[in-house]
N, C-alpha and C. Protein backbone atom coordinates (compact mmCIF):
# COMPACT_ATOMS: atom_id res chain seq x y z
N MET A 1 102.70 108.52 113.11
CA MET A 1 101.53 108.12 113.85
C MET A 1 100.98 106.83 113.27
N ALA A 2 100.73 105.88 114.14
CA ALA A 2 100.20 104.60 113.72
C ALA A 2 98.72 104.74 113.36
N HIS A 3 98.33 104.07 112.30
CA HIS A 3 96.94 104.09 111.85
C HIS A 3 96.43 102.66 111.77
N THR A 4 95.20 102.48 112.19
CA THR A 4 94.55 101.19 112.00
C THR A 4 94.09 101.09 110.55
N PHE A 5 93.75 99.88 110.13
CA PHE A 5 93.26 99.70 108.77
C PHE A 5 91.99 100.52 108.55
N GLU A 6 91.12 100.55 109.55
CA GLU A 6 89.87 101.31 109.44
C GLU A 6 90.15 102.80 109.27
N GLU A 7 91.15 103.29 109.96
CA GLU A 7 91.53 104.70 109.81
C GLU A 7 92.05 104.97 108.40
N LEU A 8 92.82 104.03 107.87
CA LEU A 8 93.31 104.18 106.50
C LEU A 8 92.15 104.22 105.51
N VAL A 9 91.17 103.38 105.72
CA VAL A 9 89.99 103.36 104.85
C VAL A 9 89.27 104.70 104.93
N ASN A 10 89.11 105.23 106.13
CA ASN A 10 88.44 106.52 106.29
C ASN A 10 89.22 107.64 105.62
N LEU A 11 90.54 107.61 105.73
CA LEU A 11 91.37 108.62 105.04
C LEU A 11 91.19 108.51 103.53
N GLN A 12 91.11 107.29 103.02
CA GLN A 12 90.92 107.09 101.58
C GLN A 12 89.56 107.60 101.14
N ILE A 13 88.54 107.37 101.95
CA ILE A 13 87.20 107.87 101.62
C ILE A 13 87.21 109.39 101.54
N VAL A 14 87.88 110.04 102.47
CA VAL A 14 87.98 111.51 102.46
C VAL A 14 88.69 111.97 101.19
N ALA A 15 89.79 111.31 100.84
CA ALA A 15 90.53 111.68 99.63
C ALA A 15 89.68 111.45 98.38
N ASP A 16 88.94 110.35 98.34
CA ASP A 16 88.08 110.08 97.18
C ASP A 16 86.97 111.12 97.07
N GLU A 17 86.39 111.52 98.19
CA GLU A 17 85.34 112.54 98.17
C GLU A 17 85.91 113.89 97.71
N ALA A 18 87.11 114.21 98.15
CA ALA A 18 87.74 115.46 97.72
C ALA A 18 88.02 115.43 96.22
N HIS A 19 88.46 114.28 95.72
CA HIS A 19 88.72 114.15 94.29
C HIS A 19 87.43 114.27 93.50
N ALA A 20 86.37 113.69 94.02
CA ALA A 20 85.06 113.80 93.35
C ALA A 20 84.63 115.26 93.25
N GLN A 21 84.93 116.04 94.26
CA GLN A 21 84.58 117.47 94.24
C GLN A 21 85.37 118.20 93.15
N VAL A 22 86.64 117.88 93.01
CA VAL A 22 87.46 118.48 91.95
C VAL A 22 86.88 118.14 90.59
N LEU A 23 86.54 116.87 90.39
CA LEU A 23 85.97 116.45 89.11
C LEU A 23 84.62 117.12 88.85
N LYS A 24 83.83 117.25 89.89
CA LYS A 24 82.52 117.90 89.75
C LYS A 24 82.67 119.35 89.32
N LEU A 25 83.60 120.06 89.94
CA LEU A 25 83.83 121.46 89.57
C LEU A 25 84.33 121.56 88.13
N ALA A 26 85.28 120.73 87.78
CA ALA A 26 85.82 120.76 86.42
C ALA A 26 84.74 120.47 85.40
N ASP A 27 83.86 119.53 85.72
CA ASP A 27 82.77 119.19 84.81
C ASP A 27 81.77 120.34 84.69
N SER A 28 81.45 120.96 85.81
CA SER A 28 80.45 122.04 85.76
C SER A 28 81.01 123.32 85.14
N TYR A 29 82.30 123.56 85.29
CA TYR A 29 82.90 124.78 84.74
C TYR A 29 83.25 124.64 83.27
N GLY A 30 83.48 123.43 82.82
CA GLY A 30 83.94 123.23 81.45
C GLY A 30 85.45 123.45 81.38
N PRO A 31 86.02 123.29 80.20
CA PRO A 31 87.47 123.45 80.07
C PRO A 31 87.90 124.89 80.38
N PRO A 32 89.00 125.05 81.10
CA PRO A 32 89.46 126.41 81.39
C PRO A 32 89.91 127.16 80.14
N SER A 33 90.17 126.42 79.07
CA SER A 33 90.62 127.05 77.82
C SER A 33 89.46 127.46 76.92
N GLN A 34 88.23 127.24 77.36
CA GLN A 34 87.07 127.62 76.55
C GLN A 34 87.01 129.13 76.39
N ASP A 35 86.24 129.59 75.42
CA ASP A 35 86.06 131.03 75.23
C ASP A 35 85.58 131.65 76.53
N GLY A 36 86.27 132.66 76.98
CA GLY A 36 85.92 133.33 78.22
C GLY A 36 86.60 132.72 79.44
N GLY A 37 87.05 131.47 79.32
CA GLY A 37 87.75 130.82 80.42
C GLY A 37 86.91 130.72 81.68
N TRP A 38 87.57 130.55 82.78
CA TRP A 38 86.90 130.49 84.08
C TRP A 38 86.97 131.85 84.73
N SER A 39 85.97 132.16 85.53
CA SER A 39 85.98 133.40 86.29
C SER A 39 87.01 133.27 87.43
N GLU A 40 87.34 134.40 88.03
CA GLU A 40 88.28 134.36 89.16
C GLU A 40 87.72 133.51 90.29
N GLU A 41 86.40 133.57 90.49
CA GLU A 41 85.77 132.78 91.55
C GLU A 41 85.86 131.28 91.24
N GLN A 42 85.69 130.93 89.98
CA GLN A 42 85.80 129.53 89.59
C GLN A 42 87.22 129.02 89.76
N VAL A 43 88.18 129.83 89.36
CA VAL A 43 89.58 129.45 89.52
C VAL A 43 89.89 129.25 91.00
N ALA A 44 89.44 130.17 91.84
CA ALA A 44 89.70 130.08 93.27
C ALA A 44 89.04 128.85 93.88
N ALA A 45 87.79 128.56 93.49
CA ALA A 45 87.08 127.40 94.02
C ALA A 45 87.76 126.10 93.59
N TYR A 46 88.14 126.04 92.32
CA TYR A 46 88.81 124.83 91.81
C TYR A 46 90.16 124.65 92.50
N ASP A 47 90.91 125.73 92.62
CA ASP A 47 92.23 125.65 93.25
C ASP A 47 92.11 125.19 94.70
N ALA A 48 91.14 125.72 95.42
CA ALA A 48 90.94 125.33 96.81
C ALA A 48 90.56 123.85 96.91
N ALA A 49 89.66 123.40 96.05
CA ALA A 49 89.25 121.99 96.05
C ALA A 49 90.43 121.09 95.68
N TRP A 50 91.23 121.51 94.72
CA TRP A 50 92.38 120.72 94.29
C TRP A 50 93.38 120.58 95.43
N LYS A 51 93.61 121.68 96.16
CA LYS A 51 94.56 121.64 97.29
C LYS A 51 94.06 120.71 98.38
N VAL A 52 92.77 120.72 98.66
CA VAL A 52 92.20 119.82 99.67
C VAL A 52 92.41 118.37 99.23
N TRP A 53 92.13 118.10 97.96
CA TRP A 53 92.30 116.75 97.45
C TRP A 53 93.76 116.30 97.56
N ARG A 54 94.68 117.15 97.11
CA ARG A 54 96.10 116.76 97.11
C ARG A 54 96.59 116.54 98.54
N LYS A 55 96.17 117.38 99.47
CA LYS A 55 96.58 117.22 100.87
C LYS A 55 96.03 115.91 101.43
N SER A 56 94.78 115.61 101.16
CA SER A 56 94.20 114.37 101.69
C SER A 56 94.83 113.16 101.02
N ALA A 57 95.14 113.26 99.73
CA ALA A 57 95.80 112.15 99.03
C ALA A 57 97.21 111.92 99.59
N GLU A 58 97.92 113.00 99.88
CA GLU A 58 99.25 112.86 100.48
C GLU A 58 99.16 112.23 101.87
N GLU A 59 98.15 112.61 102.63
CA GLU A 59 97.98 112.05 103.97
C GLU A 59 97.72 110.55 103.91
N VAL A 60 96.85 110.12 103.01
CA VAL A 60 96.55 108.69 102.93
C VAL A 60 97.77 107.93 102.44
N GLN A 61 98.52 108.48 101.50
CA GLN A 61 99.71 107.80 101.00
C GLN A 61 100.75 107.62 102.11
N ALA A 62 100.98 108.67 102.89
CA ALA A 62 101.93 108.58 103.99
C ALA A 62 101.47 107.59 105.05
N ALA A 63 100.17 107.61 105.34
CA ALA A 63 99.63 106.69 106.34
C ALA A 63 99.73 105.25 105.87
N VAL A 64 99.45 104.99 104.60
CA VAL A 64 99.56 103.64 104.05
C VAL A 64 101.01 103.17 104.13
N THR A 65 101.94 104.02 103.78
CA THR A 65 103.36 103.66 103.85
C THR A 65 103.75 103.30 105.27
N GLY A 66 103.37 104.15 106.23
CA GLY A 66 103.70 103.89 107.63
C GLY A 66 103.07 102.60 108.13
N HIS A 67 101.83 102.38 107.78
CA HIS A 67 101.13 101.17 108.22
C HIS A 67 101.80 99.93 107.65
N ALA A 68 102.13 99.97 106.38
CA ALA A 68 102.79 98.82 105.74
C ALA A 68 104.12 98.52 106.41
N GLN A 69 104.88 99.56 106.71
CA GLN A 69 106.17 99.36 107.38
C GLN A 69 105.98 98.76 108.77
N GLU A 70 105.02 99.29 109.52
CA GLU A 70 104.76 98.80 110.88
C GLU A 70 104.31 97.34 110.87
N GLN A 71 103.51 96.97 109.87
CA GLN A 71 102.96 95.62 109.80
C GLN A 71 103.89 94.64 109.07
N GLY A 72 104.95 95.16 108.45
CA GLY A 72 105.84 94.31 107.67
C GLY A 72 105.13 93.77 106.43
N ALA A 73 104.23 94.58 105.90
CA ALA A 73 103.43 94.16 104.74
C ALA A 73 103.91 94.90 103.49
N ALA A 74 103.55 94.35 102.35
CA ALA A 74 103.87 95.00 101.08
C ALA A 74 102.99 96.24 100.95
N ARG A 75 103.63 97.37 100.70
CA ARG A 75 102.91 98.63 100.62
C ARG A 75 101.82 98.60 99.55
N PHE A 76 102.15 98.06 98.38
CA PHE A 76 101.18 98.03 97.29
C PHE A 76 99.94 97.23 97.67
N GLN A 77 100.14 96.18 98.48
CA GLN A 77 98.99 95.36 98.88
C GLN A 77 98.12 96.09 99.90
N VAL A 78 98.77 96.79 100.83
CA VAL A 78 98.01 97.57 101.80
C VAL A 78 97.19 98.63 101.07
N GLU A 79 97.83 99.33 100.12
CA GLU A 79 97.12 100.36 99.37
C GLU A 79 95.95 99.76 98.58
N ALA A 80 96.17 98.64 97.94
CA ALA A 80 95.10 98.00 97.17
C ALA A 80 93.95 97.58 98.08
N ASP A 81 94.27 97.03 99.24
CA ASP A 81 93.24 96.61 100.18
C ASP A 81 92.45 97.80 100.72
N VAL A 82 93.15 98.89 101.02
CA VAL A 82 92.49 100.09 101.51
C VAL A 82 91.55 100.65 100.44
N ARG A 83 92.04 100.78 99.22
CA ARG A 83 91.20 101.31 98.14
C ARG A 83 89.99 100.43 97.87
N LYS A 84 90.20 99.13 97.85
CA LYS A 84 89.08 98.21 97.61
C LYS A 84 88.03 98.35 98.70
N THR A 85 88.47 98.38 99.94
CA THR A 85 87.53 98.48 101.06
C THR A 85 86.82 99.82 101.06
N ALA A 86 87.54 100.89 100.74
CA ALA A 86 86.94 102.23 100.74
C ALA A 86 85.94 102.39 99.60
N ARG A 87 86.26 101.82 98.46
CA ARG A 87 85.45 102.05 97.26
C ARG A 87 84.38 100.98 97.03
N HIS A 88 84.55 99.82 97.64
CA HIS A 88 83.62 98.71 97.46
C HIS A 88 83.37 98.02 98.79
N PRO A 89 82.75 98.75 99.72
CA PRO A 89 82.57 98.17 101.06
C PRO A 89 81.61 96.98 101.01
N GLU A 90 81.83 96.06 101.93
CA GLU A 90 80.94 94.92 102.06
C GLU A 90 79.59 95.42 102.56
N PRO A 91 78.51 94.84 102.07
CA PRO A 91 77.20 95.26 102.57
C PRO A 91 77.08 94.93 104.06
N ALA A 92 76.38 95.78 104.76
CA ALA A 92 76.18 95.55 106.19
C ALA A 92 75.29 94.33 106.40
N ALA A 93 75.58 93.62 107.46
CA ALA A 93 74.76 92.46 107.78
C ALA A 93 73.38 92.93 108.21
N PRO A 94 72.34 92.19 107.82
CA PRO A 94 70.99 92.59 108.21
C PRO A 94 70.82 92.53 109.72
N VAL A 95 70.07 93.47 110.23
CA VAL A 95 69.79 93.50 111.67
C VAL A 95 68.60 92.62 111.93
N GLU A 96 68.75 91.73 112.87
CA GLU A 96 67.64 90.81 113.18
C GLU A 96 66.80 91.31 114.31
């Protein structure tokens, strides 16, 4: 499926948000090797969040590869441009 650059940016934003959720859970739960470890609920929540992140990351990677091939562009450059735009968007122009 062909993706526009804007769609790639949106996919990257979703993947970044999913990754942030994984990091947030890991930070709030502490190390799984700590005394007492994680509860079954914590393990299940972390595992579910991790799977969402990995699926979204795989989707963006596949989409970037397809887009680069379709455009005849270097894949690494498309990925870098997508990540930069997703993570450091240009400020919106002021409304007059």
